[in-house]
Amino acid sequence: MADGISVIQTAAMRARGLAWRALLCHNPDACEEGLCLETESGLRVHPVDPLAFAKWRVRASPDQIPAHVLITTEPEWTHA
């Protein structure tokens, strides 16, 4: 989570302070979204704009995250 906002991050994204905006899944046991993901903290989330997320996942390049779902966070290296 970035400041109380649910996010999806890979290690490369976290290192650069980037994240994909996500929405908390309120009922993961009955979720039919197909894109319900579990974060490292154990939360189940849905990516905002699932179609864009599915297309982006193929290459998962942090430089290709669409602006409307991009969240900037503090890069991981600043927490050392």
PDB file of N, CA and C in Angstrom:
ATOM      1  N   MET A   1       0.840  -1.178   0.000  1.00  0.00           N
ATOM      2  CA  MET A   1       0.000   0.000   0.000  1.00  0.00           C
ATOM      3  C   MET A   1       0.879   1.233   0.000  1.00  0.00           C
ATOM      4  N   ALA A   2       0.471   2.230  -0.726  1.00  0.00           N
ATOM      5  CA  ALA A   2       1.176   3.510  -0.758  1.00  0.00           C
ATOM      6  C   ALA A   2       0.272   4.555  -0.123  1.00  0.00           C
ATOM      7  N   ASP A   3       0.592   4.961   1.069  1.00  0.00           N
ATOM      8  CA  ASP A   3      -0.201   5.967   1.782  1.00  0.00           C
ATOM      9  C   ASP A   3      -1.688   5.619   1.827  1.00  0.00           C
ATOM     10  N   GLY A   4      -2.021   4.376   2.163  1.00  0.00           N
ATOM     11  CA  GLY A   4      -3.407   3.960   2.289  1.00  0.00           C
ATOM     12  C   GLY A   4      -4.098   3.614   0.982  1.00  0.00           C
ATOM     13  N   ILE A   5      -3.374   3.687  -0.133  1.00  0.00           N
ATOM     14  CA  ILE A   5      -3.928   3.354  -1.444  1.00  0.00           C
ATOM     15  C   ILE A   5      -3.440   1.960  -1.812  1.00  0.00           C
ATOM     16  N   SER A   6      -4.324   1.106  -2.285  1.00  0.00           N
ATOM     17  CA  SER A   6      -3.911  -0.221  -2.721  1.00  0.00           C
ATOM     18  C   SER A   6      -3.158  -0.101  -4.035  1.00  0.00           C
ATOM     19  N   VAL A   7      -2.024  -0.800  -4.123  1.00  0.00           N
ATOM     20  CA  VAL A   7      -1.205  -0.752  -5.326  1.00  0.00           C
ATOM     21  C   VAL A   7      -0.698  -2.142  -5.686  1.00  0.00           C
ATOM     22  N   ILE A   8      -0.299  -2.293  -6.936  1.00  0.00           N
ATOM     23  CA  ILE A   8       0.355  -3.506  -7.418  1.00  0.00           C
ATOM     24  C   ILE A   8       1.758  -3.088  -7.828  1.00  0.00           C
ATOM     25  N   GLN A   9       2.761  -3.819  -7.319  1.00  0.00           N
ATOM     26  CA  GLN A   9       4.147  -3.486  -7.621  1.00  0.00           C
ATOM     27  C   GLN A   9       4.976  -4.736  -7.836  1.00  0.00           C
ATOM     28  N   THR A  10       5.917  -4.643  -8.764  1.00  0.00           N
ATOM     29  CA  THR A  10       6.963  -5.650  -8.891  1.00  0.00           C
ATOM     30  C   THR A  10       8.170  -5.086  -8.151  1.00  0.00           C
ATOM     31  N   ALA A  11       9.191  -5.888  -7.970  1.00  0.00           N
ATOM     32  CA  ALA A  11      10.404  -5.404  -7.309  1.00  0.00           C
ATOM     33  C   ALA A  11      11.022  -4.247  -8.095  1.00  0.00           C
ATOM     34  N   ALA A  12      11.029  -4.350  -9.428  1.00  0.00           N
ATOM     35  CA  ALA A  12      11.593  -3.286 -10.265  1.00  0.00           C
ATOM     36  C   ALA A  12      10.791  -1.992 -10.123  1.00  0.00           C
ATOM     37  N   MET A  13       9.479  -2.120 -10.028  1.00  0.00           N
ATOM     38  CA  MET A  13       8.639  -0.938  -9.860  1.00  0.00           C
ATOM     39  C   MET A  13       8.892  -0.306  -8.499  1.00  0.00           C
ATOM     40  N   ARG A  14       8.950  -1.125  -7.469  1.00  0.00           N
ATOM     41  CA  ARG A  14       9.175  -0.633  -6.108  1.00  0.00           C
ATOM     42  C   ARG A  14      10.496   0.109  -6.017  1.00  0.00           C
ATOM     43  N   ALA A  15      11.535  -0.429  -6.645  1.00  0.00           N
ATOM     44  CA  ALA A  15      12.858   0.196  -6.613  1.00  0.00           C
ATOM     45  C   ALA A  15      12.839   1.578  -7.256  1.00  0.00           C
ATOM     46  N   ARG A  16      11.965   1.767  -8.224  1.00  0.00           N
ATOM     47  CA  ARG A  16      11.877   3.053  -8.927  1.00  0.00           C
ATOM     48  C   ARG A  16      10.797   3.963  -8.365  1.00  0.00           C
ATOM     49  N   GLY A  17      10.052   3.481  -7.374  1.00  0.00           N
ATOM     50  CA  GLY A  17       8.992   4.298  -6.794  1.00  0.00           C
ATOM     51  C   GLY A  17       7.757   4.391  -7.665  1.00  0.00           C
ATOM     52  N   LEU A  18       7.440   3.308  -8.373  1.00  0.00           N
ATOM     53  CA  LEU A  18       6.271   3.268  -9.251  1.00  0.00           C
ATOM     54  C   LEU A  18       5.315   2.180  -8.786  1.00  0.00           C
ATOM     55  N   ALA A  19       4.045   2.368  -9.062  1.00  0.00           N
ATOM     56  CA  ALA A  19       3.046   1.362  -8.709  1.00  0.00           C
ATOM     57  C   ALA A  19       1.834   1.512  -9.618  1.00  0.00           C
ATOM     58  N   TRP A  20       1.056   0.438  -9.715  1.00  0.00           N
ATOM     59  CA  TRP A  20      -0.188   0.416 -10.491  1.00  0.00           C
ATOM     60  C   TRP A  20      -1.331   0.575  -9.497  1.00  0.00           C
ATOM     61  N   ARG A  21      -2.190   1.546  -9.736  1.00  0.00           N
ATOM     62  CA  ARG A  21      -3.335   1.786  -8.840  1.00  0.00           C
ATOM     63  C   ARG A  21      -4.239   0.544  -8.814  1.00  0.00           C
ATOM     64  N   ALA A  22      -4.716   0.188  -7.634  1.00  0.00           N
ATOM     65  CA  ALA A  22      -5.566  -0.988  -7.477  1.00  0.00           C
ATOM     66  C   ALA A  22      -6.716  -0.682  -6.523  1.00  0.00           C
ATOM     67  N   LEU A  23      -7.730  -1.519  -6.582  1.00  0.00           N
ATOM     68  CA  LEU A  23      -8.881  -1.416  -5.687  1.00  0.00           C
ATOM     69  C   LEU A  23      -8.931  -2.662  -4.818  1.00  0.00           C
ATOM     70  N   LEU A  24      -9.226  -2.490  -3.567  1.00  0.00           N
ATOM     71  CA  LEU A  24      -9.322  -3.602  -2.636  1.00  0.00           C
ATOM     72  C   LEU A  24     -10.479  -4.513  -3.021  1.00  0.00           C
ATOM     73  N   CYS A  25     -10.241  -5.819  -3.027  1.00  0.00           N
ATOM     74  CA  CYS A  25     -11.293  -6.805  -3.285  1.00  0.00           C
ATOM     75  C   CYS A  25     -11.980  -7.090  -1.952  1.00  0.00           C
ATOM     76  N   HIS A  26     -13.258  -6.791  -1.874  1.00  0.00           N
ATOM     77  CA  HIS A  26     -13.970  -6.924  -0.609  1.00  0.00           C
ATOM     78  C   HIS A  26     -14.432  -8.341  -0.304  1.00  0.00           C
ATOM     79  N   ASN A  27     -14.464  -9.217  -1.310  1.00  0.00           N
ATOM     80  CA  ASN A  27     -14.903 -10.588  -1.075  1.00  0.00           C
ATOM     81  C   ASN A  27     -14.089 -11.546  -1.944  1.00  0.00           C
ATOM     82  N   PRO A  28     -12.804 -11.759  -1.611  1.00  0.00           N
ATOM     83  CA  PRO A  28     -11.942 -12.588  -2.454  1.00  0.00           C
ATOM     84  C   PRO A  28     -12.429 -14.022  -2.645  1.00  0.00           C
ATOM     85  N   ASP A  29     -13.174 -14.562  -1.690  1.00  0.00           N
ATOM     86  CA  ASP A  29     -13.648 -15.942  -1.810  1.00  0.00           C
ATOM     87  C   ASP A  29     -14.689 -16.105  -2.906  1.00  0.00           C
ATOM     88  N   ALA A  30     -15.383 -15.020  -3.236  1.00  0.00           N
ATOM     89  CA  ALA A  30     -16.437 -15.090  -4.243  1.00  0.00           C
ATOM     90  C   ALA A  30     -16.105 -14.225  -5.460  1.00  0.00           C
ATOM     91  N   CYS A  31     -14.880 -13.793  -5.566  1.00  0.00           N
ATOM     92  CA  CYS A  31     -14.490 -12.892  -6.643  1.00  0.00           C
ATOM     93  C   CYS A  31     -14.565 -13.592  -7.990  1.00  0.00           C
ATOM     94  N   GLU A  32     -15.187 -12.921  -8.946  1.00  0.00           N
ATOM     95  CA  GLU A  32     -15.302 -13.458 -10.294  1.00  0.00           C
ATOM     96  C   GLU A  32     -14.569 -12.588 -11.302  1.00  0.00           C
ATOM     97  N   GLU A  33     -13.766 -11.661 -10.824  1.00  0.00           N
ATOM     98  CA  GLU A  33     -13.084 -10.718 -11.706  1.00  0.00           C
ATOM     99  C   GLU A  33     -12.044 -11.388 -12.603  1.00  0.00           C
ATOM    100  N   GLY A  34     -11.372 -12.419 -12.139  1.00  0.00           N
ATOM    101  CA  GLY A  34     -10.339 -13.064 -12.933  1.00  0.00           C
ATOM    102  C   GLY A  34      -8.996 -12.370 -12.849  1.00  0.00           C
ATOM    103  N   LEU A  35      -8.967 -11.146 -12.367  1.00  0.00           N
ATOM    104  CA  LEU A  35      -7.717 -10.429 -12.193  1.00  0.00           C
ATOM    105  C   LEU A  35      -7.508 -10.052 -10.726  1.00  0.00           C
ATOM    106  N   CYS A  36      -8.096 -10.799  -9.839  1.00  0.00           N
ATOM    107  CA  CYS A  36      -7.915 -10.565  -8.411  1.00  0.00           C
ATOM    108  C   CYS A  36      -6.513 -11.065  -8.056  1.00  0.00           C
ATOM    109  N   LEU A  37      -5.681 -10.171  -7.538  1.00  0.00           N
ATOM    110  CA  LEU A  37      -4.299 -10.499  -7.230  1.00  0.00           C
ATOM    111  C   LEU A  37      -4.029 -10.359  -5.744  1.00  0.00           C
ATOM    112  N   GLU A  38      -3.092 -11.138  -5.247  1.00  0.00           N
ATOM    113  CA  GLU A  38      -2.701 -11.009  -3.849  1.00  0.00           C
ATOM    114  C   GLU A  38      -1.396 -10.228  -3.776  1.00  0.00           C
ATOM    115  N   THR A  39      -1.389  -9.169  -2.971  1.00  0.00           N
ATOM    116  CA  THR A  39      -0.187  -8.358  -2.806  1.00  0.00           C
ATOM    117  C   THR A  39       0.747  -9.037  -1.810  1.00  0.00           C
ATOM    118  N   GLU A  40       1.969  -8.521  -1.705  1.00  0.00           N
ATOM    119  CA  GLU A  40       2.937  -9.086  -0.762  1.00  0.00           C
ATOM    120  C   GLU A  40       2.446  -9.008   0.669  1.00  0.00           C
ATOM    121  N   SER A  41       1.609  -8.014   0.966  1.00  0.00           N
ATOM    122  CA  SER A  41       1.080  -7.864   2.323  1.00  0.00           C
ATOM    123  C   SER A  41      -0.141  -8.742   2.577  1.00  0.00           C
ATOM    124  N   GLY A  42      -0.550  -9.527   1.566  1.00  0.00           N
ATOM    125  CA  GLY A  42      -1.664 -10.457   1.732  1.00  0.00           C
ATOM    126  C   GLY A  42      -3.024  -9.902   1.363  1.00  0.00           C
ATOM    127  N   LEU A  43      -3.099  -8.654   0.923  1.00  0.00           N
ATOM    128  CA  LEU A  43      -4.371  -8.076   0.493  1.00  0.00           C
ATOM    129  C   LEU A  43      -4.726  -8.598  -0.893  1.00  0.00           C
ATOM    130  N   ARG A  44      -6.008  -8.762  -1.143  1.00  0.00           N
ATOM    131  CA  ARG A  44      -6.477  -9.135  -2.487  1.00  0.00           C
ATOM    132  C   ARG A  44      -6.973  -7.857  -3.153  1.00  0.00           C
ATOM    133  N   VAL A  45      -6.488  -7.582  -4.341  1.00  0.00           N
ATOM    134  CA  VAL A  45      -6.822  -6.347  -5.041  1.00  0.00           C
ATOM    135  C   VAL A  45      -7.152  -6.610  -6.499  1.00  0.00           C
ATOM    136  N   HIS A  46      -7.818  -5.643  -7.121  1.00  0.00           N
ATOM    137  CA  HIS A  46      -8.112  -5.659  -8.552  1.00  0.00           C
ATOM    138  C   HIS A  46      -7.388  -4.461  -9.154  1.00  0.00           C
ATOM    139  N   PRO A  47      -6.689  -4.639 -10.255  1.00  0.00           N
ATOM    140  CA  PRO A  47      -6.053  -3.488 -10.894  1.00  0.00           C
ATOM    141  C   PRO A  47      -7.106  -2.535 -11.452  1.00  0.00           C
ATOM    142  N   VAL A  48      -6.852  -1.241 -11.312  1.00  0.00           N
ATOM    143  CA  VAL A  48      -7.707  -0.263 -11.970  1.00  0.00           C
ATOM    144  C   VAL A  48      -7.439  -0.415 -13.465  1.00  0.00           C
ATOM    145  N   ASP A  49      -8.455  -0.428 -14.261  1.00  0.00           N
ATOM    146  CA  ASP A  49      -8.396  -0.648 -15.709  1.00  0.00           C
ATOM    147  C   ASP A  49      -7.816  -2.040 -16.017  1.00  0.00           C
ATOM    148  N   PRO A  50      -8.585  -3.088 -15.729  1.00  0.00           N
ATOM    149  CA  PRO A  50      -8.107  -4.457 -15.923  1.00  0.00           C
ATOM    150  C   PRO A  50      -7.633  -4.774 -17.342  1.00  0.00           C
ATOM    151  N   LEU A  51      -8.259  -4.203 -18.360  1.00  0.00           N
ATOM    152  CA  LEU A  51      -7.833  -4.476 -19.731  1.00  0.00           C
ATOM    153  C   LEU A  51      -6.433  -3.918 -19.981  1.00  0.00           C
ATOM    154  N   ALA A  52      -6.183  -2.697 -19.560  1.00  0.00           N
ATOM    155  CA  ALA A  52      -4.851  -2.106 -19.716  1.00  0.00           C
ATOM    156  C   ALA A  52      -3.822  -2.902 -18.916  1.00  0.00           C
ATOM    157  N   PHE A  53      -4.214  -3.383 -17.736  1.00  0.00           N
ATOM    158  CA  PHE A  53      -3.300  -4.169 -16.906  1.00  0.00           C
ATOM    159  C   PHE A  53      -2.954  -5.485 -17.600  1.00  0.00           C
ATOM    160  N   ALA A  54      -3.949  -6.145 -18.165  1.00  0.00           N
ATOM    161  CA  ALA A  54      -3.704  -7.416 -18.847  1.00  0.00           C
ATOM    162  C   ALA A  54      -2.752  -7.230 -20.024  1.00  0.00           C
ATOM    163  N   LYS A  55      -2.934  -6.152 -20.780  1.00  0.00           N
ATOM    164  CA  LYS A  55      -2.040  -5.877 -21.908  1.00  0.00           C
ATOM    165  C   LYS A  55      -0.638  -5.527 -21.413  1.00  0.00           C
ATOM    166  N   TRP A  56      -0.539  -4.739 -20.351  1.00  0.00           N
ATOM    167  CA  TRP A  56       0.749  -4.304 -19.809  1.00  0.00           C
ATOM    168  C   TRP A  56       1.535  -5.485 -19.237  1.00  0.00           C
ATOM    169  N   ARG A  57       0.850  -6.418 -18.601  1.00  0.00           N
ATOM    170  CA  ARG A  57       1.489  -7.560 -17.942  1.00  0.00           C
ATOM    171  C   ARG A  57       2.345  -8.403 -18.873  1.00  0.00           C
ATOM    172  N   VAL A  58       2.036  -8.401 -20.147  1.00  0.00           N
ATOM    173  CA  VAL A  58       2.778  -9.216 -21.105  1.00  0.00           C
ATOM    174  C   VAL A  58       4.264  -8.873 -21.049  1.00  0.00           C
ATOM    175  N   ARG A  59       4.583  -7.587 -20.985  1.00  0.00           N
ATOM    176  CA  ARG A  59       5.992  -7.171 -20.908  1.00  0.00           C
ATOM    177  C   ARG A  59       6.358  -6.619 -19.541  1.00  0.00           C
ATOM    178  N   ALA A  60       5.408  -6.104 -18.814  1.00  0.00           N
ATOM    179  CA  ALA A  60       5.588  -5.573 -17.467  1.00  0.00           C
ATOM    180  C   ALA A  60       6.730  -4.571 -17.347  1.00  0.00           C
ATOM    181  N   SER A  61       6.850  -3.708 -18.314  1.00  0.00           N
ATOM    182  CA  SER A  61       7.873  -2.662 -18.262  1.00  0.00           C
ATOM    183  C   SER A  61       7.350  -1.479 -17.462  1.00  0.00           C
ATOM    184  N   PRO A  62       8.033  -1.102 -16.384  1.00  0.00           N
ATOM    185  CA  PRO A  62       7.577   0.049 -15.605  1.00  0.00           C
ATOM    186  C   PRO A  62       7.441   1.318 -16.442  1.00  0.00           C
ATOM    187  N   ASP A  63       8.213   1.436 -17.513  1.00  0.00           N
ATOM    188  CA  ASP A  63       8.137   2.628 -18.360  1.00  0.00           C
ATOM    189  C   ASP A  63       6.873   2.682 -19.210  1.00  0.00           C
ATOM    190  N   GLN A  64       6.123   1.597 -19.266  1.00  0.00           N
ATOM    191  CA  GLN A  64       4.924   1.547 -20.102  1.00  0.00           C
ATOM    192  C   GLN A  64       3.630   1.528 -19.297  1.00  0.00           C
ATOM    193  N   ILE A  65       3.678   1.898 -18.015  1.00  0.00           N
ATOM    194  CA  ILE A  65       2.458   1.959 -17.209  1.00  0.00           C
ATOM    195  C   ILE A  65       1.654   3.176 -17.676  1.00  0.00           C
ATOM    196  N   PRO A  66       0.381   2.992 -18.033  1.00  0.00           N
ATOM    197  CA  PRO A  66      -0.431   4.125 -18.469  1.00  0.00           C
ATOM    198  C   PRO A  66      -0.561   5.174 -17.355  1.00  0.00           C
ATOM    199  N   ALA A  67      -0.542   6.427 -17.727  1.00  0.00           N
ATOM    200  CA  ALA A  67      -0.570   7.527 -16.761  1.00  0.00           C
ATOM    201  C   ALA A  67      -1.799   7.499 -15.857  1.00  0.00           C
ATOM    202  N   HIS A  68      -2.953   7.040 -16.368  1.00  0.00           N
ATOM    203  CA  HIS A  68      -4.173   7.090 -15.563  1.00  0.00           C
ATOM    204  C   HIS A  68      -4.198   6.070 -14.421  1.00  0.00           C
ATOM    205  N   VAL A  69      -3.263   5.150 -14.393  1.00  0.00           N
ATOM    206  CA  VAL A  69      -3.197   4.177 -13.297  1.00  0.00           C
ATOM    207  C   VAL A  69      -1.862   4.235 -12.546  1.00  0.00           C
ATOM    208  N   LEU A  70      -0.960   5.110 -12.984  1.00  0.00           N
ATOM    209  CA  LEU A  70       0.370   5.214 -12.391  1.00  0.00           C
ATOM    210  C   LEU A  70       0.315   5.951 -11.058  1.00  0.00           C
ATOM    211  N   ILE A  71       0.956   5.376 -10.067  1.00  0.00           N
ATOM    212  CA  ILE A  71       1.109   6.014  -8.764  1.00  0.00           C
ATOM    213  C   ILE A  71       2.600   6.083  -8.501  1.00  0.00           C
ATOM    214  N   THR A  72       3.078   7.225  -8.063  1.00  0.00           N
ATOM    215  CA  THR A  72       4.488   7.316  -7.688  1.00  0.00           C
ATOM    216  C   THR A  72       4.588   7.203  -6.182  1.00  0.00           C
ATOM    217  N   THR A  73       5.557   6.432  -5.742  1.00  0.00           N
ATOM    218  CA  THR A  73       5.805   6.213  -4.324  1.00  0.00           C
ATOM    219  C   THR A  73       7.248   6.573  -4.040  1.00  0.00           C
ATOM    220  N   GLU A  74       7.649   6.455  -2.823  1.00  0.00           N
ATOM    221  CA  GLU A  74       9.055   6.694  -2.492  1.00  0.00           C
ATOM    222  C   GLU A  74       9.851   5.487  -2.927  1.00  0.00           C
ATOM    223  N   PRO A  75      10.927   5.668  -3.723  1.00  0.00           N
ATOM    224  CA  PRO A  75      11.722   4.527  -4.153  1.00  0.00           C
ATOM    225  C   PRO A  75      12.245   3.738  -2.967  1.00  0.00           C
ATOM    226  N   GLU A  76      12.340   2.423  -3.163  1.00  0.00           N
ATOM    227  CA  GLU A  76      12.759   1.522  -2.091  1.00  0.00           C
ATOM    228  C   GLU A  76      14.118   1.895  -1.512  1.00  0.00           C
ATOM    229  N   TRP A  77      15.047   2.339  -2.343  1.00  0.00           N
ATOM    230  CA  TRP A  77      16.384   2.637  -1.880  1.00  0.00           C
ATOM    231  C   TRP A  77      16.435   3.783  -0.892  1.00  0.00           C
ATOM    232  N   THR A  78      15.364   4.598  -0.800  1.00  0.00           N
ATOM    233  CA  THR A  78      15.372   5.692   0.152  1.00  0.00           C
ATOM    234  C   THR A  78      15.039   5.225   1.565  1.00  0.00           C
ATOM    235  N   HIS A  79      14.651   3.956   1.710  1.00  0.00           N
ATOM    236  CA  HIS A  79      14.297   3.410   3.030  1.00  0.00           C
ATOM    237  C   HIS A  79      15.462   2.677   3.683  1.00  0.00           C
ATOM    238  N   ALA A  80      16.635   2.724   3.114  1.00  0.00           N
ATOM    239  CA  ALA A  80      17.778   1.980   3.644  1.00  0.00           C
ATOM    240  C   ALA A  80      18.263   2.532   4.958  1.00  0.00           C
TER     241      ALA A  80
END
